[in-house]
Amino acid sequence: MLERVRRRWVTGETLDQVAPSVAGDARLRRWLGRSHRLVCTADEMYWRTEAALAMVMRPALGSIQSPTLFVYRQGLRNAALIADDAQHVRGAKVVELPGELFLFFAGDSGPMLDAIEEFLTGKLPAHHSDRVLATVLYTDIVGSTEFMAQVGDRRWKELLADHDALAEAEVERFRGRTVKSTGDGVLATFDGPGRAIRCGCAIWDAVRSLGTDVRAGLHSGEIELRGDDVAGMAVHIGARVSALAGAGEVFVSSTVKDLVAGSGIDFEDRGEHELKGVPGSWRIYAVAG
């Protein structure tokens, strides 16, 4: 038993219990395992857990005089117990939220944060559109339809899985965030255009081992955060820039080129282009080398 607890603690496999719907997120699992290892040893966690489970808190709840908030997700295994405990604290406020994840920061954490802020400040927070400055990277496999017809559905699915794994690894290496797979490519965001460019080149280099070729496009601008997704004109421009590139090419807008001046990255001028759905004309550059 103890050995199993040790293994789950150091590898982040506790995610299977506390947040099963996101347990397949390899990046979150690695982060959780590392966090566990930094907090305490697996042996210490084991006896702390045993001690916590042995505690009887109910008799002390009636003596609490401070304003108290109980906030939990209704799908939790011990949700009924939490609600019952709340009845023993005079004047306690109880907020039950949808969901079943034990980790408060996993899944949709917005409603929980809203409940806490309202409890502390006495009013609901005013929500505004979350907009940030970022560099958008789009990649896609060139000639994907023809390649799929050539290798067949089964091999194509395997290739896409390998492609996504390689691309996501490069995005993580260059400290970006993979927003989503686009079917035959990826959409990622970065807080630095130089790293985004180098990541686009690294993805192209990595997926060549699969016998495929990719193209990439980048643009820097203000994007709108919508949960785990992103939107806005900058995202749209990034997709259009990518569509102009050919096999093995990494194209950037003039905005990106200007932002990385002095970085040592060289570009080739590919002229001005009309981008569908985007006002005006845009000068596009290809990453040289």
C-alpha atoms as a PDB file:
ATOM      1  CA  MET A   1       0.000   0.000   0.000  1.00  0.00           C
ATOM      2  CA  LEU A   2       2.705   2.456   1.020  1.00  0.00           C
ATOM      3  CA  GLU A   3       4.743   1.667  -2.086  1.00  0.00           C
ATOM      4  CA  ARG A   4       1.741   2.376  -4.300  1.00  0.00           C
ATOM      5  CA  VAL A   5       1.198   5.701  -2.523  1.00  0.00           C
ATOM      6  CA  ARG A   6       4.862   6.592  -3.051  1.00  0.00           C
ATOM      7  CA  ARG A   7       4.631   5.903  -6.777  1.00  0.00           C
ATOM      8  CA  ARG A   8       1.417   7.891  -7.242  1.00  0.00           C
ATOM      9  CA  TRP A   9       2.857  10.806  -5.242  1.00  0.00           C
ATOM     10  CA  VAL A  10       6.128  11.220  -7.135  1.00  0.00           C
ATOM     11  CA  THR A  11       4.632  10.669 -10.620  1.00  0.00           C
ATOM     12  CA  GLY A  12       1.546  12.858 -10.305  1.00  0.00           C
ATOM     13  CA  GLU A  13      -0.787   9.875 -10.644  1.00  0.00           C
ATOM     14  CA  THR A  14      -2.884  11.275  -7.818  1.00  0.00           C
ATOM     15  CA  LEU A  15      -4.508  13.265 -10.619  1.00  0.00           C
ATOM     16  CA  ASP A  16      -6.502  10.098 -11.405  1.00  0.00           C
ATOM     17  CA  GLN A  17      -8.278  10.515  -8.075  1.00  0.00           C
ATOM     18  CA  VAL A  18      -8.538  14.261  -7.532  1.00  0.00           C
ATOM     19  CA  ALA A  19      -9.262  15.315 -11.129  1.00  0.00           C
ATOM     20  CA  PRO A  20     -10.073  12.271 -13.302  1.00  0.00           C
ATOM     21  CA  SER A  21     -11.489  14.258 -16.224  1.00  0.00           C
ATOM     22  CA  VAL A  22      -8.114  15.971 -16.795  1.00  0.00           C
ATOM     23  CA  ALA A  23      -5.947  12.991 -15.821  1.00  0.00           C
ATOM     24  CA  GLY A  24      -4.908  12.584 -19.457  1.00  0.00           C
ATOM     25  CA  ASP A  25      -3.192  15.988 -19.454  1.00  0.00           C
ATOM     26  CA  ALA A  26       0.466  14.885 -19.447  1.00  0.00           C
ATOM     27  CA  ARG A  27       1.744  18.390 -18.787  1.00  0.00           C
ATOM     28  CA  LEU A  28      -0.505  18.861 -15.738  1.00  0.00           C
ATOM     29  CA  ARG A  29       0.470  15.394 -14.473  1.00  0.00           C
ATOM     30  CA  ARG A  30       4.182  16.236 -14.697  1.00  0.00           C
ATOM     31  CA  TRP A  31       3.615  19.559 -12.961  1.00  0.00           C
ATOM     32  CA  LEU A  32       1.617  17.958 -10.160  1.00  0.00           C
ATOM     33  CA  GLY A  33       4.247  15.264  -9.631  1.00  0.00           C
ATOM     34  CA  ARG A  34       6.989  17.874  -9.398  1.00  0.00           C
ATOM     35  CA  SER A  35       4.889  19.960  -6.991  1.00  0.00           C
ATOM     36  CA  HIS A  36       4.363  16.905  -4.805  1.00  0.00           C
ATOM     37  CA  ARG A  37       8.070  16.173  -4.694  1.00  0.00           C
ATOM     38  CA  LEU A  38       8.830  19.757  -3.667  1.00  0.00           C
ATOM     39  CA  VAL A  39       6.236  19.774  -0.882  1.00  0.00           C
ATOM     40  CA  CYS A  40       7.295  16.682   1.050  1.00  0.00           C
ATOM     41  CA  THR A  41       8.312  13.071   0.689  1.00  0.00           C
ATOM     42  CA  ALA A  42       5.805  10.368  -0.173  1.00  0.00           C
ATOM     43  CA  ASP A  43       6.269   8.800   3.289  1.00  0.00           C
ATOM     44  CA  GLU A  44       5.505  12.107   4.985  1.00  0.00           C
ATOM     45  CA  MET A  45       2.445  12.623   2.780  1.00  0.00           C
ATOM     46  CA  TYR A  46       1.216   9.171   3.756  1.00  0.00           C
ATOM     47  CA  TRP A  47       1.274   9.756   7.506  1.00  0.00           C
ATOM     48  CA  ARG A  48      -0.085  13.291   7.118  1.00  0.00           C
ATOM     49  CA  THR A  49      -3.037  11.895   5.156  1.00  0.00           C
ATOM     50  CA  GLU A  50      -3.615   9.169   7.738  1.00  0.00           C
ATOM     51  CA  ALA A  51      -3.545  11.771  10.532  1.00  0.00           C
ATOM     52  CA  ALA A  52      -5.952  14.060   8.674  1.00  0.00           C
ATOM     53  CA  LEU A  53      -8.427  11.245   8.101  1.00  0.00           C
ATOM     54  CA  ALA A  54      -8.289  10.338  11.769  1.00  0.00           C
ATOM     55  CA  MET A  55      -9.197  13.871  12.886  1.00  0.00           C
ATOM     56  CA  VAL A  56     -12.729  14.547  14.135  1.00  0.00           C
ATOM     57  CA  MET A  57     -13.463  18.189  13.313  1.00  0.00           C
ATOM     58  CA  ARG A  58     -17.236  18.226  13.837  1.00  0.00           C
ATOM     59  CA  PRO A  59     -17.170  19.118  17.595  1.00  0.00           C
ATOM     60  CA  ALA A  60     -15.038  22.207  16.906  1.00  0.00           C
ATOM     61  CA  LEU A  61     -17.185  23.630  14.112  1.00  0.00           C
ATOM     62  CA  GLY A  62     -19.791  25.115  16.465  1.00  0.00           C
ATOM     63  CA  SER A  63     -17.177  27.318  18.130  1.00  0.00           C
ATOM     64  CA  ILE A  64     -16.251  29.145  14.899  1.00  0.00           C
ATOM     65  CA  GLN A  65     -17.253  32.804  15.167  1.00  0.00           C
ATOM     66  CA  SER A  66     -15.650  34.288  12.045  1.00  0.00           C
ATOM     67  CA  PRO A  67     -17.526  34.625   8.746  1.00  0.00           C
ATOM     68  CA  THR A  68     -17.050  31.331   6.957  1.00  0.00           C
ATOM     69  CA  LEU A  69     -17.468  30.234   3.338  1.00  0.00           C
ATOM     70  CA  PHE A  70     -17.932  26.640   2.234  1.00  0.00           C
ATOM     71  CA  VAL A  71     -17.449  26.361  -1.508  1.00  0.00           C
ATOM     72  CA  TYR A  72     -17.255  23.014  -3.269  1.00  0.00           C
ATOM     73  CA  ARG A  73     -18.180  21.192  -6.449  1.00  0.00           C
ATOM     74  CA  GLN A  74     -21.334  19.136  -6.186  1.00  0.00           C
ATOM     75  CA  GLY A  75     -19.854  16.073  -7.885  1.00  0.00           C
ATOM     76  CA  LEU A  76     -17.244  15.513  -5.163  1.00  0.00           C
ATOM     77  CA  ARG A  77     -17.394  12.180  -3.382  1.00  0.00           C
ATOM     78  CA  ASN A  78     -17.668  13.939  -0.005  1.00  0.00           C
ATOM     79  CA  ALA A  79     -19.938  16.789  -1.135  1.00  0.00           C
ATOM     80  CA  ALA A  80     -22.759  15.746   1.196  1.00  0.00           C
ATOM     81  CA  LEU A  81     -20.348  15.655   4.141  1.00  0.00           C
ATOM     82  CA  ILE A  82     -19.109  19.177   3.363  1.00  0.00           C
ATOM     83  CA  ALA A  83     -22.676  20.474   3.166  1.00  0.00           C
ATOM     84  CA  ASP A  84     -23.480  18.806   6.495  1.00  0.00           C
ATOM     85  CA  ASP A  85     -20.395  20.300   8.144  1.00  0.00           C
ATOM     86  CA  ALA A  86     -21.479  23.745   6.988  1.00  0.00           C
ATOM     87  CA  GLN A  87     -24.696  23.406   8.983  1.00  0.00           C
ATOM     88  CA  HIS A  88     -22.648  23.290  12.178  1.00  0.00           C
ATOM     89  CA  VAL A  89     -21.009  26.693  11.580  1.00  0.00           C
ATOM     90  CA  ARG A  90     -23.271  29.545  12.563  1.00  0.00           C
ATOM     91  CA  GLY A  91     -23.994  31.910   9.669  1.00  0.00           C
ATOM     92  CA  ALA A  92     -21.776  30.023   7.231  1.00  0.00           C
ATOM     93  CA  LYS A  93     -22.331  30.700   3.569  1.00  0.00           C
ATOM     94  CA  VAL A  94     -22.523  27.629   1.334  1.00  0.00           C
ATOM     95  CA  VAL A  95     -21.846  27.766  -2.414  1.00  0.00           C
ATOM     96  CA  GLU A  96     -22.288  24.571  -4.402  1.00  0.00           C
ATOM     97  CA  LEU A  97     -20.821  24.637  -7.893  1.00  0.00           C
ATOM     98  CA  PRO A  98     -21.159  22.231 -10.825  1.00  0.00           C
ATOM     99  CA  GLY A  99     -18.322  19.803 -11.507  1.00  0.00           C
ATOM    100  CA  GLU A 100     -16.544  16.910  -9.843  1.00  0.00           C
ATOM    101  CA  LEU A 101     -12.883  17.968  -9.744  1.00  0.00           C
ATOM    102  CA  PHE A 102     -11.283  18.145  -6.306  1.00  0.00           C
ATOM    103  CA  LEU A 103      -8.445  20.420  -7.484  1.00  0.00           C
ATOM    104  CA  PHE A 104      -9.858  23.930  -7.391  1.00  0.00           C
ATOM    105  CA  PHE A 105      -7.513  25.134 -10.155  1.00  0.00           C
ATOM    106  CA  ALA A 106      -8.440  22.331 -12.586  1.00  0.00           C
ATOM    107  CA  GLY A 107     -11.343  22.713 -14.985  1.00  0.00           C
ATOM    108  CA  ASP A 108     -13.452  25.868 -14.844  1.00  0.00           C
ATOM    109  CA  SER A 109     -12.096  27.706 -11.810  1.00  0.00           C
ATOM    110  CA  GLY A 110     -13.871  30.979 -12.635  1.00  0.00           C
ATOM    111  CA  PRO A 111     -17.093  30.361 -10.645  1.00  0.00           C
ATOM    112  CA  MET A 112     -15.117  29.325  -7.581  1.00  0.00           C
ATOM    113  CA  LEU A 113     -12.936  32.427  -7.723  1.00  0.00           C
ATOM    114  CA  ASP A 114     -16.061  34.559  -8.196  1.00  0.00           C
ATOM    115  CA  ALA A 115     -17.660  33.029  -5.081  1.00  0.00           C
ATOM    116  CA  ILE A 116     -14.545  33.724  -3.022  1.00  0.00           C
ATOM    117  CA  GLU A 117     -14.269  37.309  -4.272  1.00  0.00           C
ATOM    118  CA  GLU A 118     -17.940  38.003  -3.580  1.00  0.00           C
ATOM    119  CA  PHE A 119     -17.584  36.594  -0.071  1.00  0.00           C
ATOM    120  CA  LEU A 120     -14.531  38.739   0.686  1.00  0.00           C
ATOM    121  CA  THR A 121     -15.650  41.985  -0.967  1.00  0.00           C
ATOM    122  CA  GLY A 122     -19.423  41.765  -0.723  1.00  0.00           C
ATOM    123  CA  LYS A 123     -20.027  42.088  -4.440  1.00  0.00           C
ATOM    124  CA  LEU A 124     -19.654  40.067  -7.588  1.00  0.00           C
ATOM    125  CA  PRO A 125     -16.606  40.876  -9.736  1.00  0.00           C
ATOM    126  CA  ALA A 126     -17.114  42.785 -12.950  1.00  0.00           C
ATOM    127  CA  HIS A 127     -16.017  40.620 -15.837  1.00  0.00           C
ATOM    128  CA  HIS A 128     -14.181  42.112 -18.762  1.00  0.00           C
ATOM    129  CA  SER A 129     -12.843  40.503 -21.861  1.00  0.00           C
ATOM    130  CA  ASP A 130      -9.467  38.947 -21.099  1.00  0.00           C
ATOM    131  CA  ARG A 131      -7.170  40.341 -23.759  1.00  0.00           C
ATOM    132  CA  VAL A 132      -3.409  39.930 -23.782  1.00  0.00           C
ATOM    133  CA  LEU A 133      -0.553  40.674 -26.152  1.00  0.00           C
ATOM    134  CA  ALA A 134       0.846  37.453 -27.612  1.00  0.00           C
ATOM    135  CA  THR A 135       2.491  35.911 -30.645  1.00  0.00           C
ATOM    136  CA  VAL A 136       0.311  33.391 -32.439  1.00  0.00           C
ATOM    137  CA  LEU A 137       1.882  30.394 -34.187  1.00  0.00           C
ATOM    138  CA  TYR A 138      -0.054  28.300 -36.705  1.00  0.00           C
ATOM    139  CA  THR A 139       1.400  25.177 -38.307  1.00  0.00           C
ATOM    140  CA  ASP A 140      -0.106  22.594 -40.623  1.00  0.00           C
ATOM    141  CA  ILE A 141       0.996  19.594 -42.634  1.00  0.00           C
ATOM    142  CA  VAL A 142       1.464  20.440 -46.306  1.00  0.00           C
ATOM    143  CA  GLY A 143      -0.485  18.202 -48.675  1.00  0.00           C
ATOM    144  CA  SER A 144      -2.253  16.443 -45.824  1.00  0.00           C
ATOM    145  CA  THR A 145      -5.176  15.242 -47.949  1.00  0.00           C
ATOM    146  CA  GLU A 146      -2.931  13.614 -50.546  1.00  0.00           C
ATOM    147  CA  PHE A 147      -0.728  12.109 -47.847  1.00  0.00           C
ATOM    148  CA  MET A 148      -3.742  10.652 -46.043  1.00  0.00           C
ATOM    149  CA  ALA A 149      -4.958   9.045 -49.275  1.00  0.00           C
ATOM    150  CA  GLN A 150      -1.514   7.588 -49.800  1.00  0.00           C
ATOM    151  CA  VAL A 151      -0.975   6.009 -46.367  1.00  0.00           C
ATOM    152  CA  GLY A 152      -4.553   5.172 -45.371  1.00  0.00           C
ATOM    153  CA  ASP A 153      -6.715   6.175 -42.415  1.00  0.00           C
ATOM    154  CA  ARG A 154      -5.024   4.037 -39.765  1.00  0.00           C
ATOM    155  CA  ARG A 155      -1.491   5.154 -40.547  1.00  0.00           C
ATOM    156  CA  TRP A 156      -2.704   8.734 -40.906  1.00  0.00           C
ATOM    157  CA  LYS A 157      -4.178   8.719 -37.377  1.00  0.00           C
ATOM    158  CA  GLU A 158      -0.921   7.316 -35.994  1.00  0.00           C
ATOM    159  CA  LEU A 159       1.067   9.951 -37.860  1.00  0.00           C
ATOM    160  CA  LEU A 160      -1.154  12.758 -36.552  1.00  0.00           C
ATOM    161  CA  ALA A 161      -0.691  11.515 -32.978  1.00  0.00           C
ATOM    162  CA  ASP A 162       3.091  11.466 -33.465  1.00  0.00           C
ATOM    163  CA  HIS A 163       2.982  14.893 -35.104  1.00  0.00           C
ATOM    164  CA  ASP A 164       0.973  16.417 -32.256  1.00  0.00           C
ATOM    165  CA  ALA A 165       3.300  14.929 -29.637  1.00  0.00           C
ATOM    166  CA  LEU A 166       6.396  16.291 -31.384  1.00  0.00           C
ATOM    167  CA  ALA A 167       4.822  19.714 -31.920  1.00  0.00           C
ATOM    168  CA  GLU A 168       3.596  20.011 -28.336  1.00  0.00           C
ATOM    169  CA  ALA A 169       7.023  19.031 -27.028  1.00  0.00           C
ATOM    170  CA  GLU A 170       8.649  21.829 -29.032  1.00  0.00           C
ATOM    171  CA  VAL A 171       6.044  24.364 -27.900  1.00  0.00           C
ATOM    172  CA  GLU A 172       6.719  23.419 -24.294  1.00  0.00           C
ATOM    173  CA  ARG A 173      10.486  23.583 -24.856  1.00  0.00           C
ATOM    174  CA  PHE A 174      10.186  27.159 -26.128  1.00  0.00           C
ATOM    175  CA  ARG A 175       7.872  28.077 -23.212  1.00  0.00           C
ATOM    176  CA  GLY A 176       4.740  28.498 -25.275  1.00  0.00           C
ATOM    177  CA  ARG A 177       1.220  27.169 -24.790  1.00  0.00           C
ATOM    178  CA  THR A 178      -0.426  24.725 -27.145  1.00  0.00           C
ATOM    179  CA  VAL A 179      -3.969  26.006 -27.540  1.00  0.00           C
ATOM    180  CA  LYS A 180      -5.299  23.149 -29.651  1.00  0.00           C
ATOM    181  CA  SER A 181      -4.713  20.762 -32.484  1.00  0.00           C
ATOM    182  CA  THR A 182      -6.250  21.988 -35.726  1.00  0.00           C
ATOM    183  CA  GLY A 183      -6.558  18.524 -37.251  1.00  0.00           C
ATOM    184  CA  ASP A 184      -3.359  18.572 -39.280  1.00  0.00           C
ATOM    185  CA  GLY A 185      -1.472  21.216 -37.342  1.00  0.00           C
ATOM    186  CA  VAL A 186      -1.319  23.153 -34.094  1.00  0.00           C
ATOM    187  CA  LEU A 187      -2.215  26.570 -32.773  1.00  0.00           C
ATOM    188  CA  ALA A 188       0.078  27.878 -30.039  1.00  0.00           C
ATOM    189  CA  THR A 189       0.736  31.194 -28.316  1.00  0.00           C
ATOM    190  CA  PHE A 190       3.919  32.717 -26.913  1.00  0.00           C
ATOM    191  CA  ASP A 191       4.768  35.784 -24.864  1.00  0.00           C
ATOM    192  CA  GLY A 192       7.916  36.318 -26.934  1.00  0.00           C
ATOM    193  CA  PRO A 193       8.010  36.462 -30.771  1.00  0.00           C
ATOM    194  CA  GLY A 194      11.634  35.287 -30.984  1.00  0.00           C
ATOM    195  CA  ARG A 195      10.865  32.034 -29.192  1.00  0.00           C
ATOM    196  CA  ALA A 196       7.753  31.585 -31.300  1.00  0.00           C
ATOM    197  CA  ILE A 197       9.798  31.839 -34.504  1.00  0.00           C
ATOM    198  CA  ARG A 198      12.394  29.379 -33.266  1.00  0.00           C
ATOM    199  CA  CYS A 199       9.631  27.021 -32.201  1.00  0.00           C
ATOM    200  CA  GLY A 200       8.080  27.111 -35.681  1.00  0.00           C
ATOM    201  CA  CYS A 201      11.436  26.192 -37.188  1.00  0.00           C
ATOM    202  CA  ALA A 202      11.963  23.453 -34.585  1.00  0.00           C
ATOM    203  CA  ILE A 203       8.557  21.897 -35.305  1.00  0.00           C
ATOM    204  CA  TRP A 204       9.373  21.762 -39.016  1.00  0.00           C
ATOM    205  CA  ASP A 205      12.686  20.084 -38.234  1.00  0.00           C
ATOM    206  CA  ALA A 206      11.144  17.610 -35.771  1.00  0.00           C
ATOM    207  CA  VAL A 207       8.295  16.334 -37.949  1.00  0.00           C
ATOM    208  CA  ARG A 208      10.532  15.657 -40.939  1.00  0.00           C
ATOM    209  CA  SER A 209      11.341  12.338 -39.243  1.00  0.00           C
ATOM    210  CA  LEU A 210       7.718  11.346 -39.931  1.00  0.00           C
ATOM    211  CA  GLY A 211       8.135  11.803 -43.666  1.00  0.00           C
ATOM    212  CA  THR A 212       5.928  14.901 -43.680  1.00  0.00           C
ATOM    213  CA  ASP A 213       6.518  18.592 -44.203  1.00  0.00           C
ATOM    214  CA  VAL A 214       4.881  21.502 -42.437  1.00  0.00           C
ATOM    215  CA  ARG A 215       4.528  25.206 -42.927  1.00  0.00           C
ATOM    216  CA  ALA A 216       4.083  27.853 -40.262  1.00  0.00           C
ATOM    217  CA  GLY A 217       2.787  31.393 -39.898  1.00  0.00           C
ATOM    218  CA  LEU A 218       3.148  33.916 -37.078  1.00  0.00           C
ATOM    219  CA  HIS A 219       1.644  37.218 -36.063  1.00  0.00           C
ATOM    220  CA  SER A 220       1.879  39.286 -32.889  1.00  0.00           C
ATOM    221  CA  GLY A 221      -1.071  41.217 -31.541  1.00  0.00           C
ATOM    222  CA  GLU A 222      -3.776  41.372 -28.921  1.00  0.00           C
ATOM    223  CA  ILE A 223      -5.727  38.139 -28.500  1.00  0.00           C
ATOM    224  CA  GLU A 224      -8.859  37.355 -26.524  1.00  0.00           C
ATOM    225  CA  LEU A 225      -8.720  34.499 -24.021  1.00  0.00           C
ATOM    226  CA  ARG A 226     -11.840  32.339 -24.056  1.00  0.00           C
ATOM    227  CA  GLY A 227     -11.270  29.614 -21.508  1.00  0.00           C
ATOM    228  CA  ASP A 228      -8.654  27.339 -23.005  1.00  0.00           C
ATOM    229  CA  ASP A 229      -9.175  28.804 -26.484  1.00  0.00           C
ATOM    230  CA  VAL A 230      -8.113  32.091 -28.052  1.00  0.00           C
ATOM    231  CA  ALA A 231      -9.789  34.407 -30.534  1.00  0.00           C
ATOM    232  CA  GLY A 232      -9.429  37.807 -32.125  1.00  0.00           C
ATOM    233  CA  MET A 233      -8.014  39.423 -35.238  1.00  0.00           C
ATOM    234  CA  ALA A 234      -4.428  38.482 -34.333  1.00  0.00           C
ATOM    235  CA  VAL A 235      -5.390  34.790 -34.381  1.00  0.00           C
ATOM    236  CA  HIS A 236      -7.108  35.246 -37.727  1.00  0.00           C
ATOM    237  CA  ILE A 237      -4.075  37.021 -39.201  1.00  0.00           C
ATOM    238  CA  GLY A 238      -1.754  34.266 -37.974  1.00  0.00           C
ATOM    239  CA  ALA A 239      -3.849  31.665 -39.804  1.00  0.00           C
ATOM    240  CA  ARG A 240      -3.827  33.709 -43.012  1.00  0.00           C
ATOM    241  CA  VAL A 241      -0.054  34.207 -42.858  1.00  0.00           C
ATOM    242  CA  SER A 242       0.416  30.469 -42.412  1.00  0.00           C
ATOM    243  CA  ALA A 243      -1.737  29.756 -45.456  1.00  0.00           C
ATOM    244  CA  LEU A 244       0.669  31.772 -47.630  1.00  0.00           C
ATOM    245  CA  ALA A 245       3.699  29.671 -46.687  1.00  0.00           C
ATOM    246  CA  GLY A 246       4.940  26.685 -48.633  1.00  0.00           C
ATOM    247  CA  ALA A 247       6.431  23.396 -47.477  1.00  0.00           C
ATOM    248  CA  GLY A 248       9.238  23.975 -44.990  1.00  0.00           C
ATOM    249  CA  GLU A 249       8.610  27.715 -44.795  1.00  0.00           C
ATOM    250  CA  VAL A 250       7.989  29.853 -41.725  1.00  0.00           C
ATOM    251  CA  PHE A 251       6.243  33.109 -42.618  1.00  0.00           C
ATOM    252  CA  VAL A 252       5.803  36.101 -40.313  1.00  0.00           C
ATOM    253  CA  SER A 253       3.951  39.381 -40.531  1.00  0.00           C
ATOM    254  CA  SER A 254       5.875  42.639 -40.579  1.00  0.00           C
ATOM    255  CA  THR A 255       4.763  43.147 -36.977  1.00  0.00           C
ATOM    256  CA  VAL A 256       6.700  40.072 -35.870  1.00  0.00           C
ATOM    257  CA  LYS A 257       9.748  41.044 -37.934  1.00  0.00           C
ATOM    258  CA  ASP A 258       9.854  44.495 -36.355  1.00  0.00           C
ATOM    259  CA  LEU A 259       9.538  43.096 -32.833  1.00  0.00           C
ATOM    260  CA  VAL A 260      12.580  40.818 -33.180  1.00  0.00           C
ATOM    261  CA  ALA A 261      14.906  43.408 -34.695  1.00  0.00           C
ATOM    262  CA  GLY A 262      18.426  42.791 -33.400  1.00  0.00           C
ATOM    263  CA  SER A 263      17.690  39.162 -32.434  1.00  0.00           C
ATOM    264  CA  GLY A 264      19.915  37.705 -35.143  1.00  0.00           C
ATOM    265  CA  ILE A 265      16.987  36.145 -36.998  1.00  0.00           C
ATOM    266  CA  ASP A 266      17.191  36.848 -40.737  1.00  0.00           C
ATOM    267  CA  PHE A 267      14.226  37.294 -43.059  1.00  0.00           C
ATOM    268  CA  GLU A 268      13.467  37.350 -46.760  1.00  0.00           C
ATOM    269  CA  ASP A 269      10.902  39.823 -48.060  1.00  0.00           C
ATOM    270  CA  ARG A 270       7.961  38.041 -49.721  1.00  0.00           C
ATOM    271  CA  GLY A 271       6.087  41.172 -50.702  1.00  0.00           C
ATOM    272  CA  GLU A 272       2.695  42.615 -49.797  1.00  0.00           C
ATOM    273  CA  HIS A 273      -0.395  40.460 -49.659  1.00  0.00           C
ATOM    274  CA  GLU A 274      -4.104  40.836 -49.161  1.00  0.00           C
ATOM    275  CA  LEU A 275      -5.219  38.625 -46.282  1.00  0.00           C
ATOM    276  CA  LYS A 276      -8.778  37.362 -46.609  1.00  0.00           C
ATOM    277  CA  GLY A 277     -11.028  39.050 -44.082  1.00  0.00           C
ATOM    278  CA  VAL A 278      -8.292  41.441 -42.919  1.00  0.00           C
ATOM    279  CA  PRO A 279      -8.349  45.142 -43.927  1.00  0.00           C
ATOM    280  CA  GLY A 280      -5.432  46.589 -45.917  1.00  0.00           C
ATOM    281  CA  SER A 281      -2.350  44.914 -47.324  1.00  0.00           C
ATOM    282  CA  TRP A 282       0.324  43.163 -45.260  1.00  0.00           C
ATOM    283  CA  ARG A 283       4.018  42.744 -45.916  1.00  0.00           C
ATOM    284  CA  ILE A 284       5.082  39.195 -45.311  1.00  0.00           C
ATOM    285  CA  TYR A 285       8.565  37.820 -44.581  1.00  0.00           C
ATOM    286  CA  ALA A 286      10.001  34.314 -44.612  1.00  0.00           C
ATOM    287  CA  VAL A 287      12.434  33.194 -41.923  1.00  0.00           C
ATOM    288  CA  ALA A 288      15.772  32.663 -43.707  1.00  0.00           C
ATOM    289  CA  GLY A 289      18.053  29.711 -43.126  1.00  0.00           C
END
